[in-house]
Amino acid sequence: MPGAPHPSGFHPHLPGFTHNFLGKALGATMWFFIFYRVRQDGGKLIGRHPFHDDAHGHGHSEHH
């Protein structure tokens, strides 16, 4: 029963507005940072490295 008192006398209080706001703000900041890093470095996480891409031919000459 949700509103019943706990037998040990434990009565937790709801978090205040400040804690609620800070928790949501810090959580959102964390996720924005994670998505930003995935956007910047996501290819490296799944195995696409820019130095393995030889399609452009940079750094290789025809006469070795």
N, C-alpha and C. Protein backbone atom coordinates (compact mmCIF):
# COMPACT_ATOMS: atom_id res chain seq x y z
N MET A 1 0.84 -1.16 0.00
CA MET A 1 0.00 0.00 0.00
C MET A 1 0.90 1.24 0.00
N PRO A 2 0.80 2.10 -1.02
CA PRO A 2 1.76 3.19 -1.18
C PRO A 2 1.76 4.23 -0.06
N GLY A 3 0.63 4.56 0.51
CA GLY A 3 0.59 5.63 1.50
C GLY A 3 0.73 5.16 2.93
N ALA A 4 0.88 3.88 3.13
CA ALA A 4 0.93 3.35 4.50
C ALA A 4 2.28 3.65 5.15
N PRO A 5 2.31 3.91 6.43
CA PRO A 5 3.59 4.15 7.11
C PRO A 5 4.41 2.88 7.18
N HIS A 6 5.70 3.04 7.11
CA HIS A 6 6.63 1.91 7.16
C HIS A 6 6.72 1.42 8.60
N PRO A 7 6.79 0.12 8.84
CA PRO A 7 6.80 -0.39 10.22
C PRO A 7 8.00 0.10 11.04
N SER A 8 9.12 0.42 10.38
CA SER A 8 10.28 0.86 11.15
C SER A 8 10.25 2.36 11.44
N GLY A 9 9.26 3.06 10.93
CA GLY A 9 9.17 4.49 11.16
C GLY A 9 9.92 5.32 10.13
N PHE A 10 10.36 4.70 9.06
CA PHE A 10 11.10 5.41 8.02
C PHE A 10 10.13 6.23 7.18
N HIS A 11 10.34 7.54 7.12
CA HIS A 11 9.47 8.44 6.36
C HIS A 11 10.33 9.28 5.43
N PRO A 12 10.62 8.79 4.22
CA PRO A 12 11.46 9.58 3.31
C PRO A 12 10.71 10.82 2.83
N HIS A 13 11.44 11.90 2.68
CA HIS A 13 10.86 13.14 2.17
C HIS A 13 11.10 13.22 0.67
N LEU A 14 10.20 13.89 -0.02
CA LEU A 14 10.39 14.11 -1.45
C LEU A 14 11.52 15.11 -1.65
N PRO A 15 12.27 14.98 -2.74
CA PRO A 15 13.35 15.94 -2.99
C PRO A 15 12.77 17.32 -3.26
N GLY A 16 13.52 18.33 -2.84
CA GLY A 16 13.08 19.70 -3.08
C GLY A 16 13.24 20.09 -4.53
N PHE A 17 12.77 21.27 -4.85
CA PHE A 17 12.82 21.76 -6.23
C PHE A 17 14.27 21.86 -6.71
N THR A 18 15.16 22.34 -5.85
CA THR A 18 16.56 22.53 -6.25
C THR A 18 17.20 21.19 -6.61
N HIS A 19 17.02 20.18 -5.77
CA HIS A 19 17.60 18.87 -6.06
C HIS A 19 16.99 18.25 -7.30
N ASN A 20 15.71 18.42 -7.47
CA ASN A 20 15.03 17.90 -8.65
C ASN A 20 15.58 18.56 -9.92
N PHE A 21 15.69 19.89 -9.88
CA PHE A 21 16.17 20.65 -11.03
C PHE A 21 17.62 20.30 -11.33
N LEU A 22 18.47 20.25 -10.31
CA LEU A 22 19.88 19.93 -10.53
C LEU A 22 20.06 18.51 -11.06
N GLY A 23 19.28 17.57 -10.57
CA GLY A 23 19.36 16.20 -11.06
C GLY A 23 19.00 16.11 -12.53
N LYS A 24 17.95 16.79 -12.93
CA LYS A 24 17.54 16.78 -14.34
C LYS A 24 18.54 17.52 -15.21
N ALA A 25 19.05 18.66 -14.72
CA ALA A 25 20.01 19.44 -15.50
C ALA A 25 21.32 18.68 -15.69
N LEU A 26 21.83 18.07 -14.64
CA LEU A 26 23.08 17.32 -14.76
C LEU A 26 22.90 16.06 -15.60
N GLY A 27 21.75 15.41 -15.48
CA GLY A 27 21.48 14.24 -16.31
C GLY A 27 21.39 14.61 -17.78
N ALA A 28 20.71 15.71 -18.09
CA ALA A 28 20.60 16.16 -19.47
C ALA A 28 21.97 16.56 -20.02
N THR A 29 22.78 17.24 -19.20
CA THR A 29 24.12 17.63 -19.62
C THR A 29 24.97 16.40 -19.94
N MET A 30 24.85 15.37 -19.12
CA MET A 30 25.60 14.14 -19.36
C MET A 30 25.21 13.53 -20.71
N TRP A 31 23.90 13.44 -20.98
CA TRP A 31 23.47 12.83 -22.23
C TRP A 31 23.84 13.69 -23.43
N PHE A 32 23.75 15.03 -23.31
CA PHE A 32 24.16 15.89 -24.42
C PHE A 32 25.65 15.71 -24.71
N PHE A 33 26.46 15.59 -23.67
CA PHE A 33 27.89 15.39 -23.85
C PHE A 33 28.17 14.03 -24.50
N ILE A 34 27.47 12.99 -24.07
CA ILE A 34 27.66 11.67 -24.66
C ILE A 34 27.28 11.69 -26.14
N PHE A 35 26.15 12.30 -26.48
CA PHE A 35 25.74 12.36 -27.88
C PHE A 35 26.69 13.21 -28.70
N TYR A 36 27.23 14.27 -28.12
CA TYR A 36 28.20 15.11 -28.81
C TYR A 36 29.47 14.31 -29.12
N ARG A 37 29.95 13.55 -28.14
CA ARG A 37 31.16 12.76 -28.34
C ARG A 37 30.93 11.64 -29.36
N VAL A 38 29.75 11.04 -29.34
CA VAL A 38 29.45 10.00 -30.34
C VAL A 38 29.41 10.62 -31.73
N ARG A 39 28.89 11.82 -31.83
CA ARG A 39 28.85 12.49 -33.12
C ARG A 39 30.26 12.80 -33.61
N GLN A 40 31.14 13.20 -32.71
CA GLN A 40 32.50 13.54 -33.08
C GLN A 40 33.36 12.29 -33.32
N ASP A 41 33.28 11.31 -32.45
CA ASP A 41 34.18 10.15 -32.48
C ASP A 41 33.46 8.83 -32.64
N GLY A 42 32.22 8.83 -33.06
CA GLY A 42 31.45 7.60 -33.14
C GLY A 42 32.02 6.58 -34.10
N GLY A 43 32.61 7.03 -35.21
CA GLY A 43 33.18 6.11 -36.16
C GLY A 43 34.32 5.30 -35.57
N LYS A 44 35.08 5.90 -34.69
CA LYS A 44 36.19 5.19 -34.05
C LYS A 44 35.67 4.12 -33.10
N LEU A 45 34.50 4.35 -32.52
CA LEU A 45 33.94 3.38 -31.60
C LEU A 45 33.46 2.12 -32.32
N ILE A 46 33.03 2.26 -33.56
CA ILE A 46 32.53 1.10 -34.29
C ILE A 46 33.55 0.55 -35.28
N GLY A 47 34.79 1.07 -35.24
CA GLY A 47 35.86 0.49 -36.03
C GLY A 47 36.22 1.21 -37.30
N ARG A 48 35.61 2.34 -37.61
CA ARG A 48 35.99 3.10 -38.80
C ARG A 48 37.03 4.13 -38.41
N HIS A 49 38.27 3.88 -38.78
CA HIS A 49 39.35 4.80 -38.46
C HIS A 49 39.71 5.60 -39.71
N PRO A 50 39.89 6.90 -39.57
CA PRO A 50 40.19 7.71 -40.76
C PRO A 50 41.54 7.37 -41.39
N PHE A 51 42.49 6.86 -40.62
CA PHE A 51 43.80 6.56 -41.19
C PHE A 51 43.81 5.25 -41.95
N HIS A 52 42.75 4.45 -41.90
CA HIS A 52 42.64 3.22 -42.68
C HIS A 52 41.93 3.45 -44.01
N ASP A 53 41.43 4.63 -44.24
CA ASP A 53 40.68 4.91 -45.46
C ASP A 53 41.65 5.30 -46.57
N ASP A 54 41.85 4.40 -47.53
CA ASP A 54 42.75 4.66 -48.64
C ASP A 54 42.00 5.06 -49.91
N ALA A 55 40.73 5.38 -49.80
CA ALA A 55 39.93 5.71 -50.97
C ALA A 55 40.37 7.02 -51.60
N HIS A 56 40.94 7.92 -50.82
CA HIS A 56 41.33 9.22 -51.34
C HIS A 56 42.75 9.21 -51.91
N GLY A 57 43.55 8.26 -51.52
CA GLY A 57 44.89 8.13 -52.06
C GLY A 57 45.87 9.13 -51.48
N HIS A 58 45.60 9.72 -50.38
CA HIS A 58 46.53 10.67 -49.78
C HIS A 58 47.72 9.93 -49.20
N GLY A 59 48.91 10.45 -49.46
CA GLY A 59 50.10 9.87 -48.88
C GLY A 59 50.70 8.74 -49.68
N HIS A 60 50.12 8.37 -50.79
CA HIS A 60 50.66 7.29 -51.62
C HIS A 60 50.91 7.84 -53.02
N SER A 61 52.09 7.59 -53.51
CA SER A 61 52.38 7.99 -54.88
C SER A 61 52.35 6.77 -55.79
N GLU A 62 52.23 7.00 -57.06
CA GLU A 62 52.17 5.90 -58.02
C GLU A 62 53.53 5.27 -58.24
N HIS A 63 54.60 5.98 -57.99
CA HIS A 63 55.95 5.45 -58.21
C HIS A 63 56.65 5.24 -56.88
N HIS A 64 56.52 4.04 -56.34
CA HIS A 64 57.12 3.71 -55.04
C HIS A 64 58.58 3.49 -55.20
